[in-house]
N, C-alpha and C. Protein backbone atom coordinates (compact mmCIF):
# COMPACT_ATOMS: atom_id res chain seq x y z
N MET A 1 32.53 5.37 -17.61
CA MET A 1 31.80 6.48 -16.99
C MET A 1 30.45 6.68 -17.69
N THR A 2 29.36 6.81 -16.82
CA THR A 2 28.09 6.92 -17.47
C THR A 2 27.80 8.39 -17.95
N GLU A 3 26.80 8.56 -18.67
CA GLU A 3 26.44 9.87 -19.17
C GLU A 3 26.09 10.81 -18.08
N VAL A 4 25.36 10.28 -17.03
CA VAL A 4 25.07 11.04 -15.83
C VAL A 4 26.35 11.62 -15.16
N GLN A 5 27.32 10.73 -15.02
CA GLN A 5 28.58 11.22 -14.44
C GLN A 5 29.33 12.19 -15.26
N LYS A 6 29.28 12.00 -16.63
CA LYS A 6 29.97 12.93 -17.54
C LYS A 6 29.45 14.36 -17.34
N LEU A 7 28.14 14.41 -17.17
CA LEU A 7 27.48 15.71 -17.03
C LEU A 7 27.59 16.34 -15.70
N GLY A 8 28.19 15.56 -14.67
CA GLY A 8 28.27 16.13 -13.36
C GLY A 8 27.03 15.98 -12.53
N LEU A 9 26.08 15.15 -13.02
CA LEU A 9 24.82 15.02 -12.30
C LEU A 9 24.96 13.81 -11.35
N PHE A 10 24.07 13.75 -10.34
CA PHE A 10 24.02 12.70 -9.44
C PHE A 10 22.61 12.07 -9.35
N THR A 11 22.50 10.85 -8.95
CA THR A 11 21.24 10.26 -8.77
C THR A 11 20.98 10.16 -7.27
N TYR A 12 19.66 10.14 -6.94
CA TYR A 12 19.29 10.17 -5.49
C TYR A 12 18.18 9.15 -5.33
N ASP A 13 18.34 8.25 -4.35
CA ASP A 13 17.27 7.31 -4.06
C ASP A 13 16.50 7.82 -2.91
N VAL A 14 15.26 8.16 -3.21
CA VAL A 14 14.41 8.76 -2.26
C VAL A 14 14.17 7.85 -0.99
N LYS A 15 13.90 6.59 -1.23
CA LYS A 15 13.64 5.69 -0.09
C LYS A 15 14.87 5.60 0.86
N ASN A 16 16.07 5.55 0.23
CA ASN A 16 17.23 5.49 1.09
C ASN A 16 17.44 6.75 1.87
N GLY A 17 17.15 7.97 1.19
CA GLY A 17 17.25 9.20 1.87
C GLY A 17 16.28 9.35 2.99
N LEU A 18 15.06 8.80 2.82
CA LEU A 18 14.12 8.83 3.88
C LEU A 18 14.49 8.12 5.18
N GLY A 19 15.47 7.14 4.93
CA GLY A 19 15.90 6.45 6.09
C GLY A 19 16.73 7.27 6.95
N LEU A 20 17.14 8.47 6.64
CA LEU A 20 17.87 9.46 7.44
C LEU A 20 16.92 10.23 8.31
N ILE A 21 15.70 10.11 8.18
CA ILE A 21 14.75 10.86 8.96
C ILE A 21 14.32 10.20 10.23
N ALA A 22 14.21 10.91 11.36
CA ALA A 22 13.80 10.34 12.64
C ALA A 22 12.30 10.66 12.74
N TYR A 23 11.51 9.71 12.99
CA TYR A 23 10.08 9.78 13.21
C TYR A 23 9.68 9.60 14.65
N ASN A 24 8.77 10.49 15.06
CA ASN A 24 8.10 10.33 16.38
C ASN A 24 6.61 10.39 16.06
N VAL A 25 6.08 9.26 15.76
CA VAL A 25 4.69 9.19 15.27
C VAL A 25 3.66 9.32 16.50
N ASP A 26 2.67 10.19 16.28
CA ASP A 26 1.67 10.42 17.33
C ASP A 26 0.59 9.32 17.22
N ASP A 27 -0.22 9.26 18.31
CA ASP A 27 -1.28 8.24 18.25
C ASP A 27 -2.24 8.57 17.08
N HIS A 28 -2.96 7.64 16.66
CA HIS A 28 -3.82 7.82 15.47
C HIS A 28 -4.92 8.89 15.66
N GLU A 29 -5.38 9.01 16.92
CA GLU A 29 -6.39 10.00 17.14
C GLU A 29 -5.84 11.37 17.04
N PHE A 30 -4.49 11.53 17.11
CA PHE A 30 -3.84 12.85 16.97
C PHE A 30 -3.06 12.93 15.68
N ALA A 31 -3.25 12.03 14.79
CA ALA A 31 -2.48 11.99 13.48
C ALA A 31 -2.47 13.36 12.78
N HIS A 32 -1.40 13.72 12.26
CA HIS A 32 -1.38 15.09 11.49
C HIS A 32 -2.10 14.89 10.15
N ILE A 33 -2.28 13.76 9.74
CA ILE A 33 -2.96 13.53 8.48
C ILE A 33 -3.97 12.39 8.59
N ILE A 34 -5.23 12.61 8.06
CA ILE A 34 -6.25 11.66 8.03
C ILE A 34 -6.70 11.49 6.62
N VAL A 35 -6.84 10.19 6.19
CA VAL A 35 -7.27 10.00 4.81
C VAL A 35 -8.58 9.21 4.92
N ASP A 36 -9.67 9.81 4.31
CA ASP A 36 -10.93 9.11 4.21
C ASP A 36 -10.90 8.26 2.95
N THR A 37 -10.49 7.03 3.16
CA THR A 37 -10.26 6.12 1.99
C THR A 37 -11.54 5.77 1.23
N LYS A 38 -12.70 6.00 1.79
CA LYS A 38 -13.92 5.75 1.11
C LYS A 38 -14.08 6.77 -0.05
N LYS A 39 -13.58 7.94 0.09
CA LYS A 39 -13.63 8.89 -0.99
C LYS A 39 -12.71 8.57 -2.14
N CYS A 40 -11.77 7.62 -1.87
CA CYS A 40 -10.80 7.30 -2.99
C CYS A 40 -11.40 6.29 -3.93
N ASP A 41 -12.48 5.66 -3.60
CA ASP A 41 -13.07 4.61 -4.49
C ASP A 41 -13.37 5.05 -5.95
N ASP A 42 -13.82 6.34 -5.97
CA ASP A 42 -14.19 6.88 -7.32
C ASP A 42 -13.10 7.65 -8.03
N CYS A 43 -11.93 7.67 -7.50
CA CYS A 43 -10.81 8.38 -8.06
C CYS A 43 -10.22 7.57 -9.22
N SER A 44 -9.97 8.22 -10.29
CA SER A 44 -9.43 7.48 -11.42
C SER A 44 -7.96 7.74 -11.66
N HIS A 45 -7.42 8.83 -11.14
CA HIS A 45 -6.07 9.20 -11.43
C HIS A 45 -5.10 8.87 -10.30
N MET A 46 -5.50 8.74 -9.13
CA MET A 46 -4.71 8.37 -7.95
C MET A 46 -3.40 9.29 -7.79
N MET A 47 -3.60 10.58 -7.89
CA MET A 47 -2.49 11.44 -7.78
C MET A 47 -1.69 11.35 -6.50
N CYS A 48 -2.34 11.06 -5.38
CA CYS A 48 -1.66 10.79 -4.10
C CYS A 48 -0.58 9.64 -4.19
N VAL A 49 -0.99 8.55 -4.84
CA VAL A 49 -0.14 7.38 -5.05
C VAL A 49 1.13 7.87 -5.82
N TRP A 50 0.94 8.60 -6.95
CA TRP A 50 2.08 9.01 -7.75
C TRP A 50 2.81 10.08 -7.23
N GLY A 51 2.16 11.03 -6.39
CA GLY A 51 2.83 12.25 -5.84
C GLY A 51 3.59 12.05 -4.57
N CYS A 52 3.21 11.07 -3.76
CA CYS A 52 3.81 10.91 -2.46
C CYS A 52 5.28 10.42 -2.52
N PRO A 53 6.16 11.26 -2.04
CA PRO A 53 7.62 10.86 -2.15
C PRO A 53 8.00 9.76 -1.16
N ALA A 54 7.20 9.50 -0.03
CA ALA A 54 7.50 8.53 0.84
C ALA A 54 6.75 7.15 0.57
N GLN A 55 5.92 7.19 -0.58
CA GLN A 55 5.16 5.99 -0.98
C GLN A 55 4.16 5.52 0.14
N CYS A 56 3.47 6.44 0.78
CA CYS A 56 2.55 6.11 1.89
C CYS A 56 1.25 5.47 1.36
N TYR A 57 0.97 5.72 0.10
CA TYR A 57 -0.34 5.33 -0.48
C TYR A 57 -0.15 4.08 -1.41
N ASN A 58 -1.06 3.11 -1.32
CA ASN A 58 -1.10 1.98 -2.15
C ASN A 58 -2.58 1.77 -2.57
N PHE A 59 -2.81 1.44 -3.82
CA PHE A 59 -4.18 1.36 -4.21
C PHE A 59 -4.22 0.38 -5.53
N ARG A 60 -4.94 0.76 -6.44
CA ARG A 60 -5.18 -0.09 -7.61
C ARG A 60 -3.86 -0.36 -8.40
N ASP A 61 -2.87 0.48 -8.31
CA ASP A 61 -1.66 0.24 -8.99
C ASP A 61 -0.89 -0.97 -8.34
N GLN A 62 -1.30 -1.25 -7.13
CA GLN A 62 -0.72 -2.44 -6.45
C GLN A 62 -1.69 -3.61 -6.38
N GLY A 63 -2.79 -3.53 -7.15
CA GLY A 63 -3.80 -4.60 -7.21
C GLY A 63 -4.72 -4.63 -6.00
N LEU A 64 -4.81 -3.56 -5.34
CA LEU A 64 -5.72 -3.53 -4.17
C LEU A 64 -7.14 -3.01 -4.53
N ASP A 65 -8.11 -3.48 -3.78
CA ASP A 65 -9.57 -3.01 -4.08
C ASP A 65 -9.81 -1.74 -3.37
N GLU A 66 -9.06 -1.32 -2.31
CA GLU A 66 -9.34 -0.18 -1.56
C GLU A 66 -7.93 0.53 -1.22
N MET A 67 -8.01 1.83 -0.99
CA MET A 67 -6.86 2.64 -0.66
C MET A 67 -6.28 2.18 0.70
N LYS A 68 -4.96 2.00 0.73
CA LYS A 68 -4.26 1.75 1.95
C LYS A 68 -3.31 2.95 2.19
N PHE A 69 -3.29 3.47 3.38
CA PHE A 69 -2.41 4.65 3.73
C PHE A 69 -1.57 4.32 4.98
N GLN A 70 -0.34 4.50 4.95
CA GLN A 70 0.65 4.21 5.98
C GLN A 70 1.00 5.57 6.64
N VAL A 71 0.41 6.03 7.62
CA VAL A 71 0.71 7.29 8.31
C VAL A 71 2.09 7.36 8.86
N GLU A 72 2.58 6.21 9.30
CA GLU A 72 3.86 6.18 10.01
C GLU A 72 4.97 6.49 9.10
N ASP A 73 4.95 6.46 7.76
CA ASP A 73 5.86 6.83 6.83
C ASP A 73 5.81 8.24 6.29
N CYS A 74 4.82 8.97 6.68
CA CYS A 74 4.59 10.26 6.20
C CYS A 74 5.64 11.25 6.63
N ILE A 75 6.12 11.99 5.59
CA ILE A 75 7.21 12.99 5.88
C ILE A 75 6.63 14.41 5.99
N GLU A 76 5.32 14.56 6.10
CA GLU A 76 4.68 15.83 6.37
C GLU A 76 4.91 16.83 5.27
N CYS A 77 5.03 16.45 4.00
CA CYS A 77 5.35 17.39 2.95
C CYS A 77 4.05 18.07 2.42
N GLY A 78 2.87 17.46 2.59
CA GLY A 78 1.64 18.06 2.19
C GLY A 78 1.33 17.76 0.70
N THR A 79 2.09 17.09 -0.02
CA THR A 79 1.89 16.85 -1.40
C THR A 79 0.54 16.26 -1.69
N CYS A 80 0.16 15.21 -0.94
CA CYS A 80 -1.11 14.47 -1.17
C CYS A 80 -2.33 15.49 -0.88
N TYR A 81 -2.13 16.37 0.14
CA TYR A 81 -3.24 17.26 0.43
C TYR A 81 -3.49 18.18 -0.75
N ILE A 82 -2.42 18.72 -1.39
CA ILE A 82 -2.50 19.52 -2.45
C ILE A 82 -3.01 18.77 -3.76
N MET A 83 -2.60 17.56 -3.97
CA MET A 83 -2.92 16.88 -5.18
C MET A 83 -4.35 16.24 -5.20
N CYS A 84 -4.87 15.97 -4.05
CA CYS A 84 -6.08 15.28 -3.94
C CYS A 84 -7.31 16.19 -4.27
N ASP A 85 -8.07 15.80 -5.34
CA ASP A 85 -9.20 16.60 -5.67
C ASP A 85 -10.52 15.96 -5.23
N GLN A 86 -10.33 14.91 -4.46
CA GLN A 86 -11.60 14.18 -4.00
C GLN A 86 -11.92 14.64 -2.54
N GLY A 87 -11.08 15.43 -1.90
CA GLY A 87 -11.36 15.89 -0.55
C GLY A 87 -11.18 14.78 0.43
N ALA A 88 -10.31 13.85 0.20
CA ALA A 88 -10.08 12.72 1.01
C ALA A 88 -8.99 12.93 2.08
N VAL A 89 -8.21 13.98 1.97
CA VAL A 89 -7.06 14.22 2.82
C VAL A 89 -7.29 15.35 3.73
N SER A 90 -7.22 15.18 5.03
CA SER A 90 -7.22 16.23 6.05
C SER A 90 -5.76 16.30 6.61
N TRP A 91 -5.21 17.51 6.56
CA TRP A 91 -3.74 17.64 6.99
C TRP A 91 -3.64 18.83 7.93
N ASN A 92 -2.90 18.61 9.01
CA ASN A 92 -2.56 19.62 9.98
C ASN A 92 -1.17 19.44 10.39
N HIS A 93 -0.58 20.49 10.96
CA HIS A 93 0.77 20.31 11.58
C HIS A 93 0.73 19.36 12.76
N PRO A 94 1.70 18.56 12.90
CA PRO A 94 1.67 17.72 14.10
C PRO A 94 1.75 18.46 15.38
N ARG A 95 1.30 17.88 16.52
CA ARG A 95 1.39 18.44 17.82
C ARG A 95 2.91 18.60 18.18
N GLY A 96 3.17 19.48 19.11
CA GLY A 96 4.58 19.79 19.56
C GLY A 96 5.17 18.44 20.02
N GLY A 97 6.41 18.25 19.64
CA GLY A 97 7.18 17.05 20.12
C GLY A 97 6.96 15.77 19.21
N PHE A 98 5.99 15.91 18.24
CA PHE A 98 5.80 14.83 17.32
C PHE A 98 6.06 15.18 15.95
N GLY A 99 6.13 14.28 15.12
CA GLY A 99 6.39 14.48 13.69
C GLY A 99 7.81 13.99 13.29
N ILE A 100 8.39 14.58 12.32
CA ILE A 100 9.75 14.09 11.80
C ILE A 100 10.82 15.16 12.12
N THR A 101 11.96 14.59 12.21
CA THR A 101 13.17 15.37 12.35
C THR A 101 14.14 15.02 11.22
N TYR A 102 14.45 16.04 10.39
CA TYR A 102 15.45 15.80 9.29
C TYR A 102 16.81 15.81 9.73
N SER A 103 17.68 14.96 9.34
CA SER A 103 19.08 14.85 9.71
C SER A 103 19.87 15.98 9.03
N GLN A 104 19.44 16.36 7.87
CA GLN A 104 20.19 17.40 7.06
C GLN A 104 19.32 18.68 6.91
N GLY A 105 19.37 19.55 7.78
CA GLY A 105 18.63 20.82 7.71
C GLY A 105 17.34 20.70 8.30
């Protein structure tokens, strides 16, 4: 028995949990989130990369020269919008009928 099990704690794999979400992705011109990746060039801390639970952002930590953002994986949590101090993230609620549907709540 592991120490985690002894304490009655459980572990959770975020990526596997995200597989339970149904996505209805809108066209890019109506995307609920837009990232101006040019503003990311001067960012030294990459808080969006570290803060995004869905791992939608890839940048220097992955050996890339420029920020890559995958809108199709976004879970609409707004974490990147709050954490970005470069003004690179524009975030709005998705249009009706689009976005994600959580299977649990």
